[in-house]
Protein backbone atom coordinates (compact mmCIF):
# COMPACT_ATOMS: atom_id res chain seq x y z
CA MET A 1 0.09 0.06 -0.04
CA THR A 2 1.50 3.51 -0.85
CA MET A 3 1.73 6.07 1.76
CA GLY A 4 -0.94 8.39 -0.07
CA ALA A 5 -3.30 5.58 0.33
CA ARG A 6 -2.48 4.61 3.67
CA ALA A 7 -3.23 8.34 5.09
CA ARG A 8 -6.53 8.12 3.13
CA GLY A 9 -7.84 5.10 4.75
CA VAL A 10 -6.60 6.49 7.69
CA ALA A 11 -8.31 9.78 7.53
CA LEU A 12 -11.51 7.54 6.35
CA ILE A 13 -11.50 5.29 9.52
CA SER A 14 -10.75 8.56 11.42
CA ALA A 15 -13.87 10.33 10.28
CA ALA A 16 -16.50 7.13 10.37
CA LEU A 17 -15.28 6.91 13.83
CA LEU A 18 -15.33 10.27 15.06
CA SER A 19 -18.91 10.44 13.42
CA GLY A 20 -20.08 7.56 15.02
CA THR A 21 -21.38 6.09 11.23
CA VAL A 22 -19.36 3.16 11.45
CA SER A 23 -17.92 0.82 14.68
CA PHE A 24 -14.39 -0.22 14.60
CA SER A 25 -15.25 -3.68 14.94
CA ALA A 26 -16.79 -3.32 11.63
CA PHE A 27 -13.34 -3.72 10.08
CA ALA A 28 -12.01 -6.62 11.87
CA GLN A 29 -11.37 -9.45 9.92
CA THR A 30 -10.11 -12.29 12.50
CA ALA A 31 -12.72 -14.77 14.21
CA PRO A 32 -14.93 -13.29 17.00
CA THR A 33 -12.59 -13.25 20.14
CA ALA A 34 -12.40 -16.26 22.13
CA ASN A 35 -15.04 -15.64 24.86
CA VAL A 36 -17.64 -15.21 22.22
CA GLN A 37 -16.16 -18.40 20.15
CA GLN A 38 -17.06 -20.42 23.39
CA GLN A 39 -20.20 -19.28 24.37
CA VAL A 40 -23.15 -21.64 24.11
CA LEU A 41 -25.97 -20.08 22.22
CA PRO A 42 -28.20 -18.22 25.06
CA GLY A 43 -31.44 -19.60 25.43
CA ILE A 44 -30.86 -22.28 22.49
CA ASP A 45 -30.65 -26.07 22.55
CA GLY A 46 -30.20 -26.10 19.02
CA THR A 47 -32.19 -29.60 18.17
CA ALA A 48 -34.94 -28.14 20.58
CA LEU A 49 -35.79 -25.82 17.63
CA GLY A 50 -38.06 -27.73 15.03
CA LEU A 51 -41.07 -26.67 12.98
CA LEU A 52 -42.61 -29.95 13.08
CA PRO A 53 -44.20 -31.53 16.41
CA SER A 54 -43.96 -35.01 17.10
CA ARG A 55 -47.42 -35.43 16.18
CA ALA A 56 -46.81 -34.38 12.91
CA THR A 57 -43.40 -36.14 12.11
CA GLY A 58 -44.73 -39.72 13.74
CA LEU A 59 -40.96 -39.44 15.62
CA PRO A 60 -40.26 -39.30 19.49
CA THR A 61 -38.70 -36.29 21.12
CA ASN A 62 -35.91 -37.80 22.27
CA LEU A 63 -34.82 -38.61 18.72
CA TRP A 64 -30.79 -37.45 19.64
CA ALA A 65 -30.95 -37.84 23.16
CA SER A 66 -28.45 -40.78 23.44
CA SER A 67 -26.20 -39.10 21.15
CA THR A 68 -23.52 -36.25 20.97
CA ALA A 69 -23.89 -32.93 19.32
CA GLN A 70 -20.37 -33.76 17.53
CA ARG A 71 -21.41 -37.14 16.58
CA LEU A 72 -24.72 -35.76 15.43
CA VAL A 73 -22.97 -32.95 13.16
CA ASN A 74 -21.03 -35.43 11.65
CA ASN A 75 -23.81 -38.23 11.11
CA ILE A 76 -25.92 -34.99 9.37
CA GLY A 77 -22.72 -33.84 7.24
CA ASN A 78 -22.53 -37.13 5.68
CA LEU A 79 -25.46 -37.44 4.03
CA HIS A 80 -25.89 -36.11 0.41
CA GLY A 81 -29.97 -36.14 0.23
CA THR A 82 -29.48 -38.16 -3.37
CA GLY A 83 -31.76 -40.77 -2.44
CA THR A 84 -35.27 -41.29 -3.74
CA PRO A 85 -37.91 -37.99 -3.42
CA SER A 86 -39.38 -40.09 -0.33
CA SER A 87 -36.08 -40.75 1.13
CA ARG A 88 -35.59 -36.86 0.72
CA ALA A 89 -38.52 -35.91 2.25
CA LEU A 90 -37.71 -38.04 5.59
CA PHE A 91 -34.49 -36.30 5.54
CA GLU A 92 -36.29 -32.96 5.62
CA ARG A 93 -38.63 -34.26 8.03
CA LEU A 94 -36.04 -35.17 10.36
CA MET A 95 -34.08 -31.62 10.08
CA LEU A 96 -37.36 -29.97 11.03
CA ALA A 97 -38.46 -32.32 13.66
CA GLU A 98 -38.60 -30.96 17.55
CA ALA A 99 -36.45 -32.67 19.48
CA ILE A 100 -34.67 -32.87 23.04
CA PRO A 101 -31.24 -31.53 22.49
CA PRO A 102 -27.92 -34.40 22.41
CA GLN A 103 -25.29 -34.10 24.77
CA GLY A 104 -23.18 -31.15 24.66
CA ASP A 105 -24.89 -29.48 21.78
CA THR A 106 -23.43 -25.84 21.36
CA GLY A 107 -25.43 -24.84 18.61
CA ASP A 108 -23.20 -26.58 16.10
CA VAL A 109 -26.73 -29.10 15.40
CA LEU A 110 -28.67 -26.37 14.43
CA ALA A 111 -26.16 -25.05 11.76
CA ALA A 112 -25.72 -28.63 10.82
CA ARG A 113 -29.82 -28.95 10.11
CA ILE A 114 -29.65 -25.73 8.52
CA GLU A 115 -26.91 -26.30 5.93
CA ALA A 116 -28.85 -29.88 5.46
CA LEU A 117 -31.85 -28.26 4.64
CA LEU A 118 -30.15 -25.84 2.16
CA THR A 119 -28.63 -28.60 0.63
CA LEU A 120 -31.83 -30.07 -0.20
CA GLY A 121 -33.33 -26.76 -1.17
CA SER A 122 -35.30 -26.12 1.25
CA LEU A 123 -34.65 -22.24 1.61
CA ASP A 124 -38.05 -21.77 3.26
CA ALA A 125 -37.38 -24.31 5.52
CA ALA A 126 -33.96 -22.96 6.75
CA GLU A 127 -35.04 -19.45 7.10
CA ALA A 128 -37.90 -20.40 9.34
CA MET A 129 -35.91 -22.28 11.09
CA LEU A 130 -33.52 -19.39 11.58
CA ALA A 131 -36.38 -17.53 12.52
CA ARG A 132 -36.68 -19.53 15.68
CA ALA A 133 -33.56 -18.91 16.86
CA PRO A 134 -33.23 -16.11 19.36
CA LEU A 135 -31.97 -12.89 17.94
CA ASP A 136 -28.82 -12.69 20.10
CA ALA A 137 -27.71 -16.23 19.35
CA SER A 138 -23.86 -15.60 19.36
CA ASP A 139 -23.00 -18.20 17.45
CA GLN A 140 -20.72 -16.92 14.27
CA GLU A 141 -22.17 -20.12 11.81
CA ILE A 142 -25.77 -19.40 12.40
CA VAL A 143 -25.22 -15.50 11.68
CA ALA A 144 -23.74 -16.37 8.55
CA LEU A 145 -26.17 -18.90 7.45
CA ALA A 146 -28.57 -16.32 8.30
CA LEU A 147 -27.09 -14.03 6.09
CA ASP A 148 -26.80 -16.19 3.09
CA VAL A 149 -30.74 -17.39 3.64
CA ALA A 150 -31.13 -13.35 3.20
CA ALA A 151 -29.20 -12.58 0.17
CA LEU A 152 -31.08 -15.73 -1.43
CA THR A 153 -34.57 -14.83 -0.69
CA ASN A 154 -34.06 -11.02 -1.13
CA ARG A 155 -35.47 -10.59 2.85
CA SER A 156 -32.55 -9.00 4.91
CA GLY A 157 -34.58 -7.72 7.85
CA PRO A 158 -34.09 -10.51 10.42
CA ALA A 159 -30.38 -11.37 9.75
CA CYS A 160 -29.42 -7.91 9.20
CA ALA A 161 -31.01 -7.16 12.81
CA ARG A 162 -29.11 -10.17 14.31
CA LEU A 163 -25.60 -8.72 12.84
CA ALA A 164 -26.58 -4.84 14.14
CA ALA A 165 -27.07 -6.46 17.27
CA ARG A 166 -23.60 -8.33 17.29
CA PRO A 167 -21.11 -6.70 14.66
CA GLY A 168 -18.44 -8.67 15.70
CA LEU A 169 -20.18 -11.79 14.38
CA SER A 170 -20.05 -10.60 10.86
CA PRO A 171 -18.33 -13.13 8.48
CA GLY A 172 -17.09 -10.41 6.36
CA LEU A 173 -16.98 -6.80 5.41
CA SER A 174 -19.03 -7.79 2.62
CA HIS A 175 -22.18 -8.68 4.53
CA THR A 176 -21.51 -5.80 6.60
CA ILE A 177 -21.28 -3.42 3.91
CA TRP A 178 -24.52 -5.16 2.15
CA CYS A 179 -26.81 -5.24 4.98
CA LYS A 180 -26.13 -1.15 5.66
CA ALA A 181 -27.05 -0.97 2.15
CA ARG A 182 -30.17 -3.02 2.63
CA HIS A 183 -31.38 -0.51 5.04
CA GLY A 184 -30.91 2.37 3.41
CA GLU A 185 -27.81 3.49 5.09
CA TRP A 186 -25.98 4.03 1.52
CA MET A 187 -23.29 6.48 2.75
CA ILE A 188 -22.53 4.63 5.17
CA ALA A 189 -21.95 1.46 3.10
CA ARG A 190 -19.75 3.72 0.73
CA LEU A 191 -17.71 4.88 3.10
CA THR A 192 -17.32 1.48 4.21
CA LEU A 193 -16.27 -0.08 1.28
CA GLU A 194 -13.82 2.77 0.26
CA THR A 195 -12.05 2.34 3.72
CA ALA A 196 -11.37 -1.39 3.10
CA ILE A 197 -10.52 -0.59 -0.28
CA ALA A 198 -7.82 1.69 0.79
CA LEU A 199 -6.93 -0.70 3.86
CA GLU A 200 -6.88 -3.44 1.11
CA GLN A 201 -9.27 -5.46 2.70
CA PHE A 202 -10.89 -6.44 -0.43
CA ASP A 203 -9.69 -8.47 -3.88
CA SER A 204 -10.70 -6.31 -6.54
CA VAL A 205 -13.12 -9.07 -8.22
CA THR A 206 -15.16 -8.96 -4.59
CA ALA A 207 -14.63 -4.75 -4.42
CA ASP A 208 -16.15 -4.40 -7.97
CA HIS A 209 -19.44 -6.62 -7.28
CA LEU A 210 -20.01 -4.44 -4.06
CA ARG A 211 -19.13 -1.25 -5.74
CA TRP A 212 -21.62 -1.77 -8.61
CA PHE A 213 -24.18 -3.05 -5.99
CA LEU A 214 -23.62 0.08 -4.23
CA ASP A 215 -23.67 2.19 -7.67
CA ASN A 216 -25.82 0.97 -10.45
CA GLU A 217 -23.60 3.65 -12.74
CA ALA A 218 -19.97 2.18 -11.66
CA PHE A 219 -19.88 0.07 -14.41
CA PRO A 220 -21.14 -0.03 -18.17
CA PRO A 221 -24.29 -2.06 -18.55
CA GLU A 222 -22.95 -4.66 -20.84
CA THR A 223 -19.85 -5.05 -18.38
CA GLN A 224 -19.26 -8.65 -17.14
CA LEU A 225 -17.55 -8.91 -13.89
CA PRO A 226 -14.99 -11.63 -13.25
CA LEU A 227 -16.10 -14.92 -11.40
CA PRO A 228 -15.25 -14.35 -7.48
CA ASP A 229 -13.37 -17.27 -6.13
CA PRO A 230 -15.39 -19.09 -4.70
CA VAL A 231 -18.86 -17.75 -5.46
CA THR A 232 -20.56 -17.38 -2.44
CA ALA A 233 -24.59 -16.94 -1.83
CA LEU A 234 -23.63 -12.87 -1.17
CA THR A 235 -21.62 -12.90 -4.32
CA PHE A 236 -24.13 -14.68 -6.35
CA ALA A 237 -26.76 -12.64 -5.34
CA LEU A 238 -24.71 -9.15 -5.97
CA ARG A 239 -24.10 -10.54 -9.61
CA GLU A 240 -27.69 -11.40 -9.86
CA SER A 241 -28.95 -7.90 -8.90
CA THR A 242 -26.70 -6.44 -11.78
CA GLY A 243 -27.43 -8.90 -14.49
CA GLN A 244 -24.03 -10.54 -14.41
CA LEU A 245 -23.53 -14.43 -16.20
CA ARG A 246 -24.05 -17.12 -13.71
CA PRO A 247 -21.23 -19.77 -13.07
CA SER A 248 -21.08 -22.59 -15.38
CA GLY A 249 -22.45 -26.00 -14.25
CA PRO A 250 -25.07 -27.05 -11.71
CA LEU A 251 -26.13 -24.51 -8.69
CA PRO A 252 -26.80 -25.49 -5.60
CA LEU A 253 -30.55 -26.19 -5.10
CA ALA A 254 -31.24 -23.34 -2.56
CA TRP A 255 -29.76 -20.83 -5.27
CA LEU A 256 -32.17 -21.54 -7.81
CA ASP A 257 -35.45 -20.33 -5.43
CA GLY A 258 -35.64 -17.19 -6.85
CA ASP A 259 -35.81 -18.14 -10.49
CA LEU A 260 -39.72 -19.36 -9.95
CA SER A 261 -40.92 -15.69 -9.31
CA GLY A 262 -42.50 -14.40 -12.29
CA ASN A 263 -39.27 -12.04 -12.66
CA HIS A 264 -37.78 -14.43 -14.82
CA THR A 265 -38.65 -16.24 -18.36
CA LEU A 266 -40.32 -18.94 -18.75
CA ARG A 267 -37.35 -21.29 -19.60
CA ALA A 268 -35.81 -20.12 -16.15
CA ARG A 269 -39.04 -20.84 -14.30
CA ILE A 270 -39.27 -24.33 -15.56
CA SER A 271 -35.23 -25.39 -15.32
CA ALA A 272 -35.20 -24.37 -11.65
CA ALA A 273 -38.80 -26.01 -10.89
CA GLU A 274 -37.25 -29.25 -12.01
CA ALA A 275 -34.40 -29.02 -10.21
CA LEU A 276 -36.06 -28.00 -7.25
CA SER A 277 -38.93 -30.92 -8.06
CA ARG A 278 -36.17 -33.76 -8.32
CA GLY A 279 -34.49 -32.86 -5.49
CA GLY A 280 -38.12 -33.91 -3.44
CA VAL A 281 -38.57 -30.19 -2.18
CA LEU A 282 -40.70 -28.49 -4.60
CA PRO A 283 -44.40 -29.65 -5.01
CA ALA A 284 -45.33 -31.68 -7.93
CA SER A 285 -48.15 -29.17 -8.53
CA VAL A 286 -45.81 -26.12 -9.12
CA LEU A 287 -43.81 -28.03 -11.34
CA PHE A 288 -46.80 -28.93 -13.50
CA SER A 289 -47.80 -25.63 -13.15
CA THR A 290 -45.01 -24.33 -14.68
CA TYR A 291 -45.35 -26.65 -17.90
CA ARG A 292 -48.60 -24.91 -18.02
CA ALA A 293 -47.48 -21.57 -17.75
CA GLY A 294 -47.69 -20.87 -21.98
CA ALA A 295 -47.12 -22.23 -25.10
CA PRO A 296 -43.61 -24.11 -26.10
CA ALA A 297 -41.65 -21.63 -27.52
CA ALA A 298 -39.75 -24.16 -29.72
CA SER A 299 -39.07 -28.39 -29.91
CA GLY A 300 -37.49 -30.49 -27.72
CA GLY A 301 -35.50 -30.22 -24.41
CA ILE A 302 -37.65 -28.13 -21.91
CA TRP A 303 -40.29 -27.12 -24.42
CA GLY A 304 -40.56 -31.11 -25.59
CA ARG A 305 -41.78 -31.60 -22.05
CA MET A 306 -43.84 -28.97 -21.82
CA HIS A 307 -45.52 -30.03 -24.71
CA ALA A 308 -45.92 -33.54 -23.45
CA VAL A 309 -47.30 -32.26 -20.51
CA GLN A 310 -50.02 -30.20 -22.25
CA ASP A 311 -50.58 -33.11 -24.26
CA LEU A 312 -51.43 -35.26 -21.61
CA ASP A 313 -53.63 -32.94 -20.30
CA GLU A 314 -55.64 -32.96 -23.37
CA ALA A 315 -55.82 -36.47 -23.85
CA LEU A 316 -57.15 -36.97 -19.95
CA LEU A 317 -60.35 -34.85 -21.04
CA THR A 318 -61.16 -37.21 -23.48
CA ARG A 319 -61.49 -40.07 -20.99
CA ASP A 320 -60.34 -42.48 -23.90
CA PRO A 321 -57.70 -45.43 -22.54
CA THR A 322 -55.88 -45.58 -25.82
CA THR A 323 -55.50 -41.83 -25.96
CA VAL A 324 -54.14 -41.46 -22.85
CA LEU A 325 -51.85 -44.01 -22.67
CA ALA A 326 -49.97 -42.88 -25.71
CA ALA A 327 -49.71 -39.53 -24.46
CA LEU A 328 -48.76 -41.01 -20.89
CA HIS A 329 -46.12 -42.83 -22.44
CA GLU A 330 -44.79 -40.31 -24.29
CA MET A 331 -44.72 -37.90 -21.31
CA ASP A 332 -42.86 -40.41 -19.58
CA SER A 333 -40.36 -40.10 -22.19
CA GLN A 334 -39.54 -36.73 -21.90
CA ILE A 335 -39.54 -36.50 -18.23
CA ALA A 336 -38.32 -39.60 -16.71
CA PRO A 337 -34.97 -39.13 -17.90
CA LEU A 338 -34.78 -36.24 -15.52
CA GLY A 339 -36.09 -37.83 -12.27
CA LEU A 340 -39.29 -36.63 -12.44
CA ARG A 341 -41.73 -39.70 -12.93
CA ALA A 342 -42.54 -39.68 -9.09
CA ALA A 343 -43.59 -35.92 -9.43
CA ALA A 344 -45.55 -37.04 -12.75
CA ALA A 345 -47.32 -39.63 -10.65
CA ARG A 346 -48.33 -37.64 -7.90
CA GLU A 347 -49.37 -34.49 -10.19
CA TYR A 348 -51.34 -37.28 -12.41
CA GLY A 349 -52.48 -39.87 -9.97
CA ALA A 350 -55.73 -39.22 -9.44
CA SER A 351 -56.79 -38.29 -13.26
CA LEU A 352 -55.34 -41.42 -14.29
CA GLY A 353 -57.33 -43.70 -11.77
CA ALA A 354 -60.59 -42.12 -12.96
CA ILE A 355 -59.85 -43.17 -16.77
CA PRO A 356 -61.51 -46.24 -17.14
CA VAL A 357 -59.53 -49.47 -17.72
CA GLY A 358 -58.41 -50.26 -20.85
CA GLU A 359 -55.76 -52.74 -22.01
CA ALA A 360 -53.30 -53.90 -19.47
CA ASP A 361 -50.19 -51.56 -19.37
CA ASP A 362 -47.24 -52.02 -16.94
CA LEU A 363 -46.41 -48.07 -17.28
CA MET A 364 -49.71 -47.04 -15.78
CA ALA A 365 -49.80 -49.64 -13.51
CA ARG A 366 -46.45 -48.16 -11.91
CA TYR A 367 -47.76 -44.87 -12.10
CA MET A 368 -50.64 -45.88 -9.54
CA LEU A 369 -48.01 -47.87 -7.42
CA LEU A 370 -46.24 -44.73 -7.06
CA ASP A 371 -48.96 -42.65 -6.10
CA GLY A 372 -49.96 -45.31 -3.77
CA ARG A 373 -53.13 -46.12 -5.50
CA SER A 374 -53.36 -50.16 -5.09
CA ALA A 375 -56.60 -50.82 -6.66
CA GLY A 376 -55.92 -49.04 -9.66
CA ALA A 377 -52.60 -50.46 -10.25
CA ARG A 378 -54.25 -53.87 -9.76
CA ALA A 379 -56.60 -53.17 -12.31
CA TRP A 380 -54.09 -52.16 -14.87
CA MET A 381 -51.64 -54.63 -14.34
CA PRO A 382 -51.33 -57.39 -16.98
CA ASP A 383 -52.07 -61.48 -15.92
CA PRO A 384 -49.02 -62.31 -14.62
CA ALA A 385 -47.73 -59.02 -13.47
CA PRO A 386 -44.03 -58.66 -13.34
CA LEU A 387 -42.67 -60.30 -9.94
CA SER A 388 -41.28 -56.51 -9.11
CA ASP A 389 -45.09 -55.32 -9.62
CA ARG A 390 -46.66 -57.82 -7.51
CA ILE A 391 -44.24 -57.40 -4.77
CA ALA A 392 -44.93 -53.19 -5.16
CA LEU A 393 -48.44 -54.01 -4.94
CA ALA A 394 -47.89 -56.46 -1.93
CA ILE A 395 -46.46 -54.37 0.57
CA GLN A 396 -49.13 -51.69 0.17
CA ILE A 397 -51.69 -54.06 1.22
CA GLN A 398 -52.34 -55.13 4.46
CA PRO A 399 -51.64 -58.16 5.48
CA LEU A 400 -48.78 -58.65 3.18
CA ALA A 401 -49.36 -61.06 0.60
CA GLU A 402 -47.57 -64.42 0.26
CA ILE A 403 -44.87 -63.95 -2.86
CA PRO A 404 -43.69 -67.31 -3.79
CA GLN A 405 -39.68 -67.32 -4.34
CA GLU A 406 -39.67 -67.37 -8.37
CA PRO A 407 -36.49 -68.09 -10.60
CA ILE A 408 -34.57 -64.46 -11.22
CA GLN A 409 -35.50 -63.23 -14.35
CA ARG A 410 -33.60 -59.74 -13.84
CA ASP A 411 -32.07 -57.59 -11.55
CA ARG A 412 -35.18 -56.00 -10.13
CA ASP A 413 -36.35 -59.14 -9.25
CA ILE A 414 -33.14 -59.49 -6.91
CA LEU A 415 -34.24 -56.04 -5.50
CA ALA A 416 -38.13 -56.59 -5.29
CA TYR A 417 -37.42 -59.92 -3.11
CA ALA A 418 -34.92 -57.97 -0.88
CA ILE A 419 -37.81 -55.63 -0.37
CA TYR A 420 -40.30 -58.19 -0.01
CA ALA A 421 -38.04 -59.39 2.82
CA ALA A 422 -37.82 -56.10 4.41
CA PHE A 423 -41.70 -56.14 5.26
CA SER A 424 -41.74 -59.46 6.16
CA ALA A 425 -39.67 -59.27 8.69
CA PRO A 426 -40.80 -58.23 12.28
CA ALA A 427 -40.57 -55.04 12.60
CA ASP A 428 -42.08 -53.96 16.16
CA THR A 429 -38.80 -54.60 18.04
CA PRO A 430 -38.49 -50.31 19.22
CA PHE A 431 -34.77 -48.83 19.32
CA PRO A 432 -33.65 -47.86 22.82
CA PRO A 433 -34.23 -44.58 23.99
CA GLY A 434 -32.76 -41.33 22.42
CA ALA A 435 -31.42 -43.63 19.47
CA THR A 436 -34.17 -43.36 16.86
CA GLY A 437 -32.76 -40.66 15.22
CA THR A 438 -29.22 -41.95 15.04
CA ARG A 439 -30.78 -45.09 13.05
CA LEU A 440 -32.86 -42.97 10.78
CA LEU A 441 -29.22 -41.23 9.53
CA ASP A 442 -27.94 -44.53 9.60
CA ALA A 443 -30.71 -45.71 6.64
CA LEU A 444 -30.70 -42.55 4.95
CA ARG A 445 -26.84 -42.83 4.15
CA ILE A 446 -27.69 -46.23 2.70
CA LEU A 447 -30.72 -44.57 0.69
CA ASP A 448 -28.10 -41.66 -0.71
CA ALA A 449 -27.37 -44.36 -3.25
CA GLY A 450 -31.18 -44.04 -4.87
CA THR A 451 -31.81 -46.56 -7.48
CA GLY A 452 -28.67 -47.79 -6.97
CA VAL A 453 -28.47 -49.21 -3.85
CA GLU A 454 -27.44 -52.53 -3.33
CA PRO A 455 -30.28 -55.08 -2.72
CA ASP A 456 -29.06 -56.04 1.13
CA ASP A 457 -28.33 -52.34 2.29
CA LEU A 458 -31.96 -51.71 0.92
CA ARG A 459 -33.86 -54.40 2.58
CA ARG A 460 -31.58 -53.37 6.17
CA ALA A 461 -32.28 -49.70 5.39
CA LEU A 462 -36.36 -50.38 4.84
CA ILE A 463 -36.28 -52.86 8.44
CA LEU A 464 -34.80 -49.54 10.27
CA LEU A 465 -37.37 -47.27 8.98
CA ARG A 466 -39.93 -49.78 9.85
CA ARG A 467 -38.72 -49.84 13.44
CA ALA A 468 -38.83 -46.08 13.50
CA GLY A 469 -42.67 -46.41 12.66
CA GLN A 470 -41.96 -44.95 9.14
CA ASP A 471 -43.58 -47.68 7.55
CA ILE A 472 -45.58 -45.22 4.88
CA LEU A 473 -42.52 -43.76 3.91
CA ALA A 474 -40.68 -47.15 3.74
CA ARG A 475 -43.31 -48.58 1.06
CA ASP A 476 -42.54 -45.30 -0.95
CA ILE A 477 -39.12 -45.54 -0.81
CA ALA A 478 -39.50 -49.34 -2.09
CA VAL A 479 -41.65 -48.67 -4.88
CA GLU A 480 -39.70 -45.39 -6.31
CA THR A 481 -36.55 -47.57 -5.92
CA LEU A 482 -38.03 -50.31 -8.25
CA PHE A 483 -39.44 -47.92 -10.96
CA LEU A 484 -37.57 -44.65 -10.97
CA GLY A 485 -34.43 -44.32 -12.89
CA ASP A 486 -33.85 -46.88 -15.59
CA ARG A 487 -35.41 -49.72 -14.29
CA ILE A 488 -38.96 -49.37 -16.18
């Protein structure tokens, strides 16, 4: 730094401190002081914060009681949320469940749960969990997560209020400047930025992003700034606000939430809805209402899927089985490769179930099974039906029908027998008190393999789910594992 720049920086800092507009802590780049780092979240039992009561989840409130905070954080962090839609739904349910805190909880568990929700793309749920934490929560990771969520939702009030109450917990000056600007303190934000630049506390790329955010005339409109490294939730939001190109490749699911708004093109809205629906956090109705939001602009790709959905809608109006089946097969060929067959089954299950039964059709029967419509599935199944279909039907009907051993004809038959074994096995032995949550996480780690899970691993995971009282989800996961992906 030159002597002139240093003198300018000192002058700016002095003016800011004397005027009372900027606190000295705003320029601190180190971690919070030791007493803050070691302080337990005031009034928080991290896992006691939850949005879903026991009566809604079917899970006991002592989910994690026999675990420790560090072990639970590690177990949650080892999950990727890459299983079938129903296994991801269970993961989300666990992260939202009200529960007694584990031993030694210092807020890390709450942060791990919120990070997991963001990984799943459950941005609103993460925001709601943060809203349950006391405003004076003094955990730096909680503050950082709150600011990330605020940047992605464009709702800065609570997170910036939390930061204002504890400025020493700021993840960095970028967040401090952003909050000042969001609260209308533009002069303070600019002064803070220029001072930080003078003190070389920003790299040039980050500084340019903040400068453009604070002054929309700072660069010509066609300017494309280099990508920051790494791209964070805040820098992503800053780039969005100035019309910058996005990073190449898939984005974190939580970053796509804003694309669902009417401010984006129909193509962008459909693309975001597909990704979030595939992730299991967006209702099927939202995805398919987006497909119906206009006329396809071209053929193939997104527009081909849009066209196929609208064709099926029209076919259903005819109530003619042959017409409906043709449209269903075409739509499935378009959306199944994207992992959206489960969403389609939930969207169309009731409508397909109302169509007069025509010639037997495997795909129609499997759509019925995926939507839990056992009577409809049975009506559409061929005779004899494939082993996998008969087992999928059997586990949806109580008591479990007996399926005799048959020669294995395809890989799916091995998987089907593993599923049948899981539902034939006794599952009435409860877990020890306080162990249910940990065992469910064990099951979810297995189920992260999705439709590629090994048969014996699937059997063990399904038994764990059943012992935890999650029979309905276990059935859904079993059927999805059979009939999603490339198995049809």
